[in-house]
Amino acid sequence: MKKLPLFILILLFSVNGFSQEKKPRNLPAFDLKKLHFGFTVGFNSMDLGIKRNYDADDFIYADVSHVLPGFQVSIVSDLRLSKNWNLRFLPGISFGSRELYYYEYDQGQGQGGQVEIPDADNPVSLGPSFLDFPLHFKYRSARVNNYRPYLVGGLNFRYDMSAKREYDGESDDYVKFKPADFYLEFGFGVDTYLRYFKFAPEIKLAVGFRNIIADEGRPPYHQFVESIDRVTSYIVMLNFHFE
């Protein structure tokens, strides 16, 4: 056991020395390009932040019971601003899934069983199909061999093509979301310089600004909208950039 700390120190110094060892660089002139393009594929997980209206006359508890995966694709347009800063525009499309469950609620007992509603769906499936228009600033650290960590942040305008403007007779939904929203996005990744292209895995979080639940409910189920004061959108993304 006494030799364990010494072993850890030796391992740390070995790893540090290995990381500082110079290796042949792939794509040495890539970062000198003023403008370059690429594409992105990725996965997402969409969640909702719900502020409930406990003062509603006929209050029903709303929640997202589990988060489902989705995917996205986009085009990369990257403008070099300086040695460390880039401006990126990544228009694309993303698909996800969100299910809003409603439960009976007792002030004394809390959340109860799932609400049974004739002629209506519970959970409410609100799977968006977004058109994405993100504009990001990217700050890159110094390149070490064939790796260059970076931070990214900016705004994204998303429009849900699947959002319904009005309730129709064939639909069993009794809440709907507004189609447009602005998001603040931030994350980090690592540019990896391969022989023929640059590959970058990236993790990013998006936080919506707007209250996206529509004000009007579907008759005669107005209580399901009136039980919610505000809904905001959250998206976690794992993206893979090929440039």
Protein backbone atom coordinates (compact mmCIF):
# COMPACT_ATOMS: atom_id res chain seq x y z
CA MET A 1 0.00 0.00 0.00
CA LYS A 2 2.91 2.37 0.74
CA LYS A 3 4.15 1.98 -2.83
CA LEU A 4 0.77 2.96 -4.29
CA PRO A 5 1.22 6.80 -4.07
CA LEU A 6 4.69 6.49 -5.66
CA PHE A 7 3.23 4.37 -8.46
CA ILE A 8 0.50 6.97 -9.08
CA LEU A 9 3.08 9.78 -9.25
CA ILE A 10 5.18 7.83 -11.74
CA LEU A 11 2.07 7.14 -13.84
CA LEU A 12 1.07 10.81 -13.84
CA PHE A 13 4.52 11.95 -14.92
CA SER A 14 4.56 9.30 -17.64
CA VAL A 15 1.19 10.41 -18.99
CA ASN A 16 2.26 14.06 -18.88
CA GLY A 17 5.49 13.29 -20.73
CA PHE A 18 3.63 11.28 -23.34
CA SER A 19 1.16 14.13 -23.94
CA GLN A 20 4.02 16.61 -24.43
CA GLU A 21 5.90 14.34 -26.84
CA LYS A 22 5.86 15.85 -30.31
CA LYS A 23 4.28 13.77 -33.03
CA PRO A 24 3.82 14.32 -36.77
CA ARG A 25 0.93 16.72 -37.30
CA ASN A 26 -1.99 15.88 -39.55
CA LEU A 27 -3.49 18.73 -41.59
CA PRO A 28 -0.91 21.31 -40.45
CA ALA A 29 -2.44 24.15 -42.51
CA PHE A 30 -6.10 23.40 -41.70
CA ASP A 31 -6.46 26.16 -39.08
CA LEU A 32 -5.16 28.78 -41.51
CA LYS A 33 -8.27 28.49 -43.69
CA LYS A 34 -10.47 31.58 -43.57
CA LEU A 35 -13.62 29.58 -44.30
CA HIS A 36 -14.34 25.87 -44.33
CA PHE A 37 -17.38 23.58 -44.35
CA GLY A 38 -18.47 20.20 -43.05
CA PHE A 39 -21.40 18.33 -41.60
CA THR A 40 -22.64 17.14 -38.21
CA VAL A 41 -24.53 14.11 -36.98
CA GLY A 42 -25.56 13.66 -33.38
CA PHE A 43 -27.93 12.52 -30.71
CA ASN A 44 -30.09 14.51 -28.32
CA SER A 45 -32.22 14.18 -25.24
CA MET A 46 -35.07 16.68 -24.81
CA ASP A 47 -36.58 17.58 -21.45
CA LEU A 48 -39.04 20.13 -20.10
CA GLY A 49 -38.88 22.48 -17.13
CA ILE A 50 -42.43 22.78 -15.77
CA LYS A 51 -43.63 25.50 -13.41
CA ARG A 52 -47.02 24.37 -12.12
CA ASN A 53 -50.01 26.51 -11.21
CA TYR A 54 -51.13 24.98 -7.90
CA ASP A 55 -53.84 27.67 -7.57
CA ALA A 56 -55.78 26.35 -10.57
CA ASP A 57 -59.42 25.51 -9.83
CA ASP A 58 -59.06 21.95 -11.09
CA PHE A 59 -55.32 21.31 -10.66
CA ILE A 60 -53.74 18.28 -12.33
CA TYR A 61 -50.06 17.43 -11.80
CA ALA A 62 -47.98 17.48 -15.02
CA ASP A 63 -44.53 15.93 -15.41
CA VAL A 64 -42.12 14.31 -17.87
CA SER A 65 -41.73 10.79 -16.51
CA HIS A 66 -38.80 9.71 -18.69
CA VAL A 67 -36.55 11.23 -21.34
CA LEU A 68 -36.33 9.65 -24.80
CA PRO A 69 -33.46 9.88 -27.32
CA GLY A 70 -33.49 11.74 -30.63
CA PHE A 71 -31.06 12.58 -33.41
CA GLN A 72 -29.98 15.53 -35.56
CA VAL A 73 -28.02 16.45 -38.68
CA SER A 74 -26.63 19.81 -39.78
CA ILE A 75 -24.26 21.60 -42.14
CA VAL A 76 -21.14 23.29 -40.73
CA SER A 77 -20.00 26.71 -41.97
CA ASP A 78 -16.94 27.92 -40.04
CA LEU A 79 -15.40 31.40 -40.33
CA ARG A 80 -11.94 31.98 -38.81
CA LEU A 81 -11.94 35.28 -36.87
CA SER A 82 -8.52 35.05 -35.22
CA LYS A 83 -5.98 32.53 -34.00
CA ASN A 84 -8.31 31.20 -31.31
CA TRP A 85 -11.79 32.43 -32.27
CA ASN A 86 -14.19 31.11 -34.92
CA LEU A 87 -17.77 31.98 -35.86
CA ARG A 88 -19.92 28.98 -36.77
CA PHE A 89 -23.32 28.69 -38.45
CA LEU A 90 -24.82 25.18 -38.34
CA PRO A 91 -28.30 25.04 -39.95
CA GLY A 92 -29.95 21.66 -39.73
CA ILE A 93 -32.85 19.58 -38.52
CA SER A 94 -33.35 17.70 -35.27
CA PHE A 95 -35.91 15.13 -34.19
CA GLY A 96 -36.77 14.32 -30.60
CA SER A 97 -39.44 12.96 -28.32
CA ARG A 98 -41.13 14.43 -25.26
CA GLU A 99 -44.07 12.92 -23.39
CA LEU A 100 -46.05 14.94 -20.89
CA TYR A 101 -47.84 12.86 -18.27
CA TYR A 102 -50.73 14.08 -16.13
CA TYR A 103 -51.43 12.69 -12.66
CA GLU A 104 -54.12 13.13 -10.06
CA TYR A 105 -52.89 15.35 -7.23
CA ASP A 106 -53.89 15.50 -3.57
CA GLN A 107 -52.61 18.44 -1.54
CA GLY A 108 -52.07 16.15 1.41
CA GLN A 109 -50.76 13.05 -0.33
CA GLY A 110 -48.97 14.65 -3.31
CA GLN A 111 -48.76 13.01 -6.72
CA GLY A 112 -51.17 10.13 -7.24
CA GLY A 113 -52.05 7.80 -10.08
CA GLN A 114 -52.17 8.67 -13.75
CA VAL A 115 -55.29 10.54 -14.85
CA GLU A 116 -57.81 8.61 -16.94
CA ILE A 117 -59.32 10.83 -19.62
CA PRO A 118 -61.91 9.56 -22.11
CA ASP A 119 -61.30 10.50 -25.74
CA ALA A 120 -57.87 11.98 -24.95
CA ASP A 121 -54.29 10.76 -24.73
CA ASN A 122 -52.27 10.54 -21.53
CA PRO A 123 -49.33 10.85 -21.92
CA VAL A 124 -49.39 13.69 -24.44
CA SER A 125 -46.76 12.92 -27.08
CA LEU A 126 -45.02 16.13 -28.13
CA GLY A 127 -42.25 14.88 -30.42
CA PRO A 128 -40.78 17.97 -32.12
CA SER A 129 -39.20 18.18 -35.56
CA PHE A 130 -37.03 21.27 -35.32
CA LEU A 131 -35.47 23.42 -37.98
CA ASP A 132 -32.28 24.66 -36.29
CA PHE A 133 -30.44 27.93 -36.99
CA PRO A 134 -27.57 28.11 -34.46
CA LEU A 135 -24.93 30.85 -34.53
CA HIS A 136 -21.99 30.05 -32.23
CA PHE A 137 -18.66 31.46 -31.17
CA LYS A 138 -15.92 28.88 -30.77
CA TYR A 139 -12.83 29.47 -28.61
CA ARG A 140 -9.97 27.02 -29.22
CA SER A 141 -7.00 26.38 -26.97
CA ALA A 142 -3.47 25.81 -28.29
CA ARG A 143 -3.07 22.71 -30.42
CA VAL A 144 -1.23 19.79 -28.81
CA ASN A 145 -0.10 17.28 -31.41
CA ASN A 146 -3.33 16.34 -33.23
CA TYR A 147 -5.77 17.54 -30.57
CA ARG A 148 -7.24 20.95 -29.80
CA PRO A 149 -9.87 21.33 -27.02
CA TYR A 150 -12.41 24.11 -27.39
CA LEU A 151 -15.42 25.84 -25.84
CA VAL A 152 -18.48 26.82 -27.84
CA GLY A 153 -21.47 29.03 -27.08
CA GLY A 154 -24.15 31.09 -28.76
CA LEU A 155 -27.82 31.33 -29.71
CA ASN A 156 -30.09 29.03 -31.66
CA PHE A 157 -33.49 29.76 -33.20
CA ARG A 158 -35.57 26.60 -33.46
CA TYR A 159 -38.88 26.17 -35.25
CA ASP A 160 -41.00 23.09 -34.63
CA MET A 161 -42.47 21.96 -37.94
CA SER A 162 -44.71 19.41 -36.18
CA ALA A 163 -46.39 21.93 -33.85
CA LYS A 164 -50.14 22.27 -34.37
CA ARG A 165 -51.68 25.70 -34.70
CA GLU A 166 -55.19 24.54 -33.79
CA TYR A 167 -56.81 21.50 -32.24
CA ASP A 168 -58.54 19.32 -34.79
CA GLY A 169 -61.30 16.76 -34.46
CA GLU A 170 -59.04 13.83 -35.26
CA SER A 171 -56.45 14.70 -32.61
CA ASP A 172 -56.61 13.43 -29.03
CA ASP A 173 -54.12 16.02 -27.74
CA TYR A 174 -55.33 18.54 -25.19
CA VAL A 175 -52.18 20.68 -24.90
CA LYS A 176 -49.91 22.04 -27.58
CA PHE A 177 -46.62 23.92 -27.74
CA LYS A 178 -45.68 27.11 -29.55
CA PRO A 179 -43.53 26.35 -32.60
CA ALA A 180 -40.77 28.98 -32.22
CA ASP A 181 -38.20 29.38 -29.47
CA PHE A 182 -34.75 30.89 -28.87
CA TYR A 183 -32.10 28.86 -27.04
CA LEU A 184 -28.88 29.69 -25.25
CA GLU A 185 -26.35 26.95 -26.07
CA PHE A 186 -22.93 26.20 -24.61
CA GLY A 187 -20.62 23.21 -24.52
CA PHE A 188 -17.15 21.86 -25.15
CA GLY A 189 -15.37 19.48 -27.49
CA VAL A 190 -12.03 18.36 -28.90
CA ASP A 191 -10.86 18.93 -32.47
CA THR A 192 -9.07 15.78 -33.60
CA TYR A 193 -6.92 16.16 -36.70
CA LEU A 194 -6.98 12.99 -38.76
CA ARG A 195 -5.16 12.30 -41.99
CA TYR A 196 -7.82 13.57 -44.40
CA PHE A 197 -10.31 15.50 -42.26
CA LYS A 198 -10.95 16.95 -38.81
CA PHE A 199 -13.24 15.09 -36.42
CA ALA A 200 -14.69 16.71 -33.30
CA PRO A 201 -16.89 15.07 -30.64
CA GLU A 202 -18.87 17.71 -28.73
CA ILE A 203 -21.24 17.87 -25.76
CA LYS A 204 -23.66 20.77 -25.63
CA LEU A 205 -26.58 22.01 -23.50
CA ALA A 206 -29.43 24.18 -24.86
CA VAL A 207 -31.79 26.17 -22.62
CA GLY A 208 -34.95 27.70 -24.09
CA PHE A 209 -35.99 31.28 -23.27
CA ARG A 210 -39.72 31.26 -24.04
CA ASN A 211 -42.75 29.84 -22.30
CA ILE A 212 -43.64 27.34 -25.02
CA ILE A 213 -47.02 26.02 -23.83
CA ALA A 214 -49.96 27.47 -25.77
CA ASP A 215 -52.38 29.58 -23.76
CA GLU A 216 -55.56 27.89 -24.97
CA GLY A 217 -56.53 24.34 -24.09
CA ARG A 218 -58.62 21.91 -26.07
CA PRO A 219 -62.31 22.02 -25.03
CA PRO A 220 -63.46 20.66 -22.68
CA TYR A 221 -60.02 19.93 -21.16
CA HIS A 222 -58.92 23.49 -20.30
CA GLN A 223 -57.72 22.36 -16.86
CA PHE A 224 -54.65 20.69 -18.36
CA VAL A 225 -53.31 24.02 -19.66
CA GLU A 226 -54.54 25.99 -16.65
CA SER A 227 -52.59 23.66 -14.32
CA ILE A 228 -49.30 24.78 -15.90
CA ASP A 229 -47.90 28.27 -15.43
CA ARG A 230 -44.79 27.96 -17.60
CA VAL A 231 -42.89 25.37 -19.67
CA THR A 232 -39.30 25.81 -20.84
CA SER A 233 -37.28 23.46 -23.04
CA TYR A 234 -33.91 21.82 -22.27
CA ILE A 235 -31.85 19.81 -24.75
CA VAL A 236 -28.63 17.87 -24.17
CA MET A 237 -26.71 17.03 -27.35
CA LEU A 238 -23.83 14.76 -28.28
CA ASN A 239 -22.57 15.84 -31.69
CA PHE A 240 -19.90 14.56 -34.06
CA HIS A 241 -18.48 17.14 -36.48
CA PHE A 242 -16.73 16.14 -39.70
CA GLU A 243 -14.87 19.05 -41.31
